Protein backbone atom coordinates (compact mmCIF):
# COMPACT_ATOMS: atom_id res chain seq x y z
CA UNK A 1 16.79 -33.88 15.05
CA UNK A 2 14.18 -31.05 17.25
CA UNK A 3 11.91 -34.15 17.98
CA UNK A 4 14.65 -36.29 19.88
CA UNK A 5 15.97 -33.34 21.76
CA UNK A 6 12.40 -32.44 22.47
CA UNK A 7 11.62 -36.31 23.73
CA UNK A 8 15.18 -36.03 26.08
CA UNK A 9 13.81 -32.50 27.59
CA UNK A 10 10.45 -34.13 28.58
CA UNK A 11 12.15 -37.26 29.89
CA UNK A 12 14.75 -34.90 31.95
CA UNK A 13 11.50 -32.94 33.28
CA UNK A 14 10.12 -35.88 34.62
CA UNK A 15 13.70 -37.23 36.02
CA UNK A 16 13.11 -33.82 38.45
CA UNK A 17 10.07 -35.96 40.29
CA UNK A 18 11.15 -39.32 40.47
CA UNK A 19 10.45 -39.13 44.88
CA UNK A 20 7.14 -37.92 44.40
CA UNK A 21 6.43 -40.41 41.93
CA UNK A 22 7.15 -43.23 44.05
CA UNK A 23 3.74 -42.19 45.53
CA UNK A 24 2.09 -43.14 42.48
CA UNK A 25 4.00 -46.07 42.00
CA UNK A 26 2.93 -47.51 45.58
CA UNK A 27 -0.82 -46.68 44.97
CA UNK A 28 -0.57 -48.51 41.70
CA UNK A 29 0.85 -51.62 43.42
CA UNK A 30 -1.80 -51.35 46.25
CA UNK A 31 -4.22 -51.64 43.53
CA UNK A 32 -3.13 -53.96 42.11
CA UNK A 33 -2.89 -56.09 45.15
CA UNK A 34 -6.63 -55.08 45.66
CA UNK A 35 -7.76 -56.09 42.03
CA UNK A 36 -5.66 -59.67 42.85
CA UNK A 37 -7.48 -60.28 45.92
CA UNK A 38 -11.12 -59.90 44.27
CA UNK A 39 -9.91 -62.03 41.27
CA UNK A 40 -8.88 -64.57 43.74
CA UNK A 41 -11.72 -64.58 45.89
CA UNK A 42 -14.18 -64.80 42.88
CA UNK A 43 -11.84 -67.68 41.50
CA UNK A 44 -11.74 -69.60 44.47
CA UNK A 45 -13.17 -73.14 44.20
CA UNK A 46 -14.19 -72.51 40.95
CA UNK A 47 -10.78 -72.45 38.77
CA UNK A 48 -12.36 -75.91 36.80
CA UNK A 49 -14.97 -73.74 35.39
CA UNK A 50 -12.77 -70.33 34.30
CA UNK A 51 -10.22 -70.17 31.55
CA UNK A 52 -8.48 -68.91 34.29
CA UNK A 53 -6.61 -69.88 37.49
CA UNK A 54 -6.26 -67.67 40.39
CA UNK A 55 -2.74 -67.51 39.29
CA UNK A 56 -3.00 -66.47 35.74
CA UNK A 57 -5.22 -63.18 37.16
CA UNK A 58 -2.55 -62.81 39.27
CA UNK A 59 -0.35 -62.44 36.62
CA UNK A 60 -2.78 -60.59 33.92
CA UNK A 61 -3.29 -57.91 36.88
CA UNK A 62 0.37 -57.51 37.64
CA UNK A 63 1.37 -56.89 34.23
CA UNK A 64 -1.21 -54.44 33.51
CA UNK A 65 -0.65 -52.40 36.13
CA UNK A 66 2.95 -52.10 34.84
CA UNK A 67 1.33 -51.49 31.15
CA UNK A 68 -0.86 -48.72 32.67
CA UNK A 69 1.60 -46.17 32.76
CA UNK A 70 3.19 -46.88 29.15
CA UNK A 71 0.00 -46.96 27.60
CA UNK A 72 -3.00 -46.22 29.94
CA UNK A 73 -2.05 -42.95 32.03
CA UNK A 74 -1.00 -40.22 29.39
CA UNK A 75 -1.61 -36.48 29.41
CA UNK A 76 -5.00 -35.99 29.16
CA UNK A 77 -5.28 -34.64 25.48
CA UNK A 78 -1.15 -34.39 25.21
CA UNK A 79 -2.11 -30.50 26.91
CA UNK A 80 -3.27 -29.54 23.85
CA UNK A 81 -6.29 -27.97 24.60
CA UNK A 82 -3.83 -25.70 27.18
CA UNK A 83 -2.46 -24.00 23.56
CA UNK A 84 -5.78 -23.72 22.27
CA UNK A 85 -6.70 -21.91 25.12
CA UNK A 86 -4.22 -19.53 25.80
CA UNK A 87 -3.72 -19.34 22.24
CA UNK A 88 -0.31 -21.03 21.69
CA UNK A 89 -1.54 -23.51 19.27
CA UNK A 90 -0.85 -20.85 16.71
CA UNK A 91 2.83 -20.10 17.38
CA UNK A 92 2.76 -24.08 17.70
CA UNK A 93 1.29 -24.49 14.29
CA UNK A 94 3.41 -21.91 12.50
CA UNK A 95 6.50 -23.94 13.41
CA UNK A 96 8.57 -25.53 10.53
CA UNK A 97 7.89 -28.40 12.34
CA UNK A 98 5.38 -31.35 12.12
CA UNK A 99 2.66 -30.51 14.96
CA UNK A 100 1.90 -33.98 15.43
CA UNK A 101 5.35 -35.40 15.95
CA UNK A 102 6.10 -31.94 17.91
CA UNK A 103 3.42 -32.91 20.52
CA UNK A 104 3.60 -36.65 20.17
CA UNK A 105 7.39 -36.50 21.03
CA UNK A 106 7.58 -34.88 24.06
CA UNK A 107 4.88 -37.65 25.14
CA UNK A 108 7.08 -40.40 24.50
CA UNK A 109 9.77 -39.20 26.51
CA UNK A 110 7.48 -38.98 29.54
CA UNK A 111 6.44 -42.69 28.50
CA UNK A 112 9.93 -43.87 28.85
CA UNK A 113 10.56 -42.04 31.92
CA UNK A 114 7.53 -44.27 32.89
CA UNK A 115 8.81 -47.37 32.10
CA UNK A 116 12.08 -46.97 33.81
CA UNK A 117 10.52 -45.66 37.37
CA UNK A 118 7.25 -46.85 36.93
CA UNK A 119 6.66 -50.14 35.27
CA UNK A 120 9.79 -51.61 35.93
CA UNK A 121 9.79 -50.71 39.91
CA UNK A 122 5.93 -51.59 40.45
CA UNK A 123 6.64 -55.09 38.54
CA UNK A 124 9.47 -55.63 40.67
CA UNK A 125 7.20 -55.04 43.79
CA UNK A 126 4.94 -57.80 42.63
CA UNK A 127 7.76 -60.10 41.62
CA UNK A 128 8.76 -59.82 45.31
CA UNK A 129 5.38 -60.56 46.98
CA UNK A 130 2.53 -62.05 44.48
CA UNK A 131 4.55 -63.06 41.43
CA UNK A 132 5.23 -61.80 38.47
CA UNK A 133 5.39 -64.11 35.01
CA UNK A 134 8.08 -64.47 33.14
CA UNK A 135 7.91 -65.14 29.29
CA UNK A 136 9.51 -68.80 28.66
CA UNK A 137 10.48 -68.59 25.02
CA UNK A 138 13.14 -65.79 23.32
CA UNK A 139 10.68 -65.00 20.58
CA UNK A 140 7.78 -63.82 23.32
CA UNK A 141 10.63 -60.54 23.96
CA UNK A 142 10.74 -59.52 20.53
CA UNK A 143 7.62 -59.55 20.20
CA UNK A 144 6.46 -58.15 23.27
CA UNK A 145 8.78 -54.95 22.34
CA UNK A 146 6.99 -54.41 19.25
CA UNK A 147 3.52 -54.92 21.07
CA UNK A 148 4.33 -52.35 23.66
CA UNK A 149 5.17 -49.91 20.87
CA UNK A 150 2.20 -50.26 19.17
CA UNK A 151 0.62 -49.88 22.05
CA UNK A 152 2.43 -46.62 23.21
CA UNK A 153 1.62 -44.83 19.56
CA UNK A 154 -2.29 -46.27 19.73
CA UNK A 155 -2.85 -44.82 22.72
CA UNK A 156 -0.66 -41.55 22.10
CA UNK A 157 -2.77 -41.45 18.95
CA UNK A 158 -5.91 -41.79 21.30
CA UNK A 159 -5.27 -38.75 23.36
CA UNK A 160 -4.26 -36.72 20.52
CA UNK A 161 -7.45 -36.87 18.91
CA UNK A 162 -9.38 -36.15 22.14
CA UNK A 163 -6.43 -33.29 22.76
CA UNK A 164 -6.86 -31.54 18.89
CA UNK A 165 -10.56 -31.56 19.61
CA UNK A 166 -10.19 -28.71 21.53
CA UNK A 167 -9.75 -26.74 18.19
CA UNK A 168 -13.44 -27.46 17.73
CA UNK A 169 -14.88 -27.44 21.28
CA UNK A 170 -12.95 -26.08 23.53
CA UNK A 171 -13.85 -28.35 26.67
CA UNK A 172 -12.18 -31.57 26.28
CA UNK A 173 -12.49 -32.94 29.71
CA UNK A 174 -16.03 -35.51 28.25
CA UNK A 175 -13.60 -36.49 25.99
CA UNK A 176 -11.02 -37.27 27.91
CA UNK A 177 -13.58 -39.07 30.49
CA UNK A 178 -15.13 -41.40 27.49
CA UNK A 179 -11.51 -42.39 26.05
CA UNK A 180 -10.35 -43.23 29.27
CA UNK A 181 -13.11 -45.17 30.00
CA UNK A 182 -13.42 -46.47 27.05
CA UNK A 183 -9.82 -47.41 27.35
CA UNK A 184 -9.62 -49.46 30.83
CA UNK A 185 -13.41 -50.85 30.27
CA UNK A 186 -12.58 -52.77 26.90
CA UNK A 187 -8.83 -52.69 26.92
CA UNK A 188 -9.02 -55.68 29.55
CA UNK A 189 -7.48 -53.87 32.66
CA UNK A 190 -10.02 -55.26 35.21
CA UNK A 191 -11.27 -57.76 33.04
CA UNK A 192 -9.74 -59.39 30.19
CA UNK A 193 -11.87 -59.03 27.04
CA UNK A 194 -12.15 -62.54 26.14
CA UNK A 195 -14.79 -62.35 29.53
CA UNK A 196 -16.84 -59.75 28.25
CA UNK A 197 -20.62 -60.83 27.38
CA UNK A 198 -21.71 -61.35 24.01
CA UNK A 199 -21.63 -59.21 21.41
CA UNK A 200 -18.29 -57.13 23.11
CA UNK A 201 -16.40 -60.05 23.52
CA UNK A 202 -16.42 -60.55 19.58
CA UNK A 203 -16.61 -57.07 19.01
CA UNK A 204 -13.61 -55.55 21.43
CA UNK A 205 -10.27 -57.42 19.96
CA UNK A 206 -10.87 -55.47 17.06
CA UNK A 207 -10.81 -52.21 18.60
CA UNK A 208 -7.59 -49.98 19.42
CA UNK A 209 -8.38 -50.21 23.07
CA UNK A 210 -7.34 -53.86 23.16
CA UNK A 211 -4.39 -52.92 21.30
CA UNK A 212 -3.46 -50.51 23.88
CA UNK A 213 -3.68 -52.80 26.55
CA UNK A 214 -5.20 -56.40 26.40
CA UNK A 215 -2.96 -57.24 23.62
CA UNK A 216 0.81 -56.21 24.82
CA UNK A 217 -0.31 -58.25 28.55
CA UNK A 218 -1.21 -61.44 26.57
CA UNK A 219 1.79 -61.57 24.32
CA UNK A 220 3.74 -61.21 27.84
CA UNK A 221 1.72 -63.89 29.43
CA UNK A 222 1.97 -66.34 26.09
CA UNK A 223 -1.59 -67.12 26.14
CA UNK A 224 -2.38 -65.34 22.28
CA UNK A 225 -0.84 -65.61 19.31
CA UNK A 226 1.63 -62.99 18.18
CA UNK A 227 -0.40 -62.81 15.00
CA UNK A 228 -2.40 -59.72 17.06
CA UNK A 229 0.14 -57.66 16.09
CA UNK A 230 -1.18 -57.09 12.89
CA UNK A 231 -4.51 -55.49 14.43
CA UNK A 232 -2.24 -53.00 16.42
CA UNK A 233 -0.58 -52.32 13.51
CA UNK A 234 -3.48 -51.68 11.14
CA UNK A 235 -4.80 -49.06 14.14
CA UNK A 236 -1.17 -47.43 14.10
CA UNK A 237 -1.56 -46.51 10.58
CA UNK A 238 -5.30 -45.59 10.57
CA UNK A 239 -4.79 -43.35 13.79
CA UNK A 240 -1.79 -41.95 12.90
CA UNK A 241 -2.83 -40.65 9.28
CA UNK A 242 -6.32 -39.52 10.40
CA UNK A 243 -4.40 -37.35 12.85
CA UNK A 244 -2.11 -35.70 10.62
CA UNK A 245 -5.24 -35.05 8.29
CA UNK A 246 -6.85 -33.88 11.33
CA UNK A 247 -3.59 -31.80 12.12
CA UNK A 248 -4.24 -29.90 9.20
CA UNK A 249 -7.65 -29.10 9.10
CA UNK A 250 -6.74 -27.53 12.73
CA UNK A 251 -4.38 -25.18 10.97
CA UNK A 252 -6.34 -24.83 7.99
CA UNK A 253 -8.98 -23.31 10.83
CA UNK A 254 -6.82 -21.23 12.40
CA UNK A 255 -5.84 -19.76 9.35
CA UNK A 256 -9.45 -18.75 8.49
CA UNK A 257 -10.10 -17.42 11.85
CA UNK A 258 -6.66 -15.50 11.86
CA UNK A 259 -4.81 -17.77 13.80
């Protein structure tokens, strides 16, 4: 299938930059150490008053730094905006393939590369230094795989939404900035969303951003019920359906304008 070939080519293309990506891995680990140090300093002597201990937050930040490479650090707009600028999107939309799958399959290949050459190495660094949580129950691994898959799909959809908006706005830098800010801010990158002030702590669990980062991390740490996967599934269906509809609108817009 053409989408599988695109996925493979994207994976192999990223393989050419393994050495260069080691710098990114080191930077990600360093940021993780800094965030851990901040939380340890904040919680020191106050652990009885907090739902999280210093060790809990160490495990939390370590897991977040790994998950970010699967559902946080995606290609801005999935490069759709470049096709809009140079006109290549007209040919891509005219191909006898699903444009949504054509674009997202390439990003999936990149994320699979990140899994093996970014997330796992970073997790290994944390396990050899500050410690890394290992799930104690076998079903957790099953639910974790599903949750991470849904997190990737949610994030890909959010980035596709930003990219396809270029058909109407041309420039997406502002949209990407807003999307990334919401993703890390309401997704629980630095602060678990249950520690956010009200009413954010009541609203954010039902937003897609929590499904992209917070839920897979908490399932991994075995601190939340696997039922939250249903919230992720709902957003997967909603966002995918909306993007497929929006893609048709974009194709129609280009046809009216003469490609």
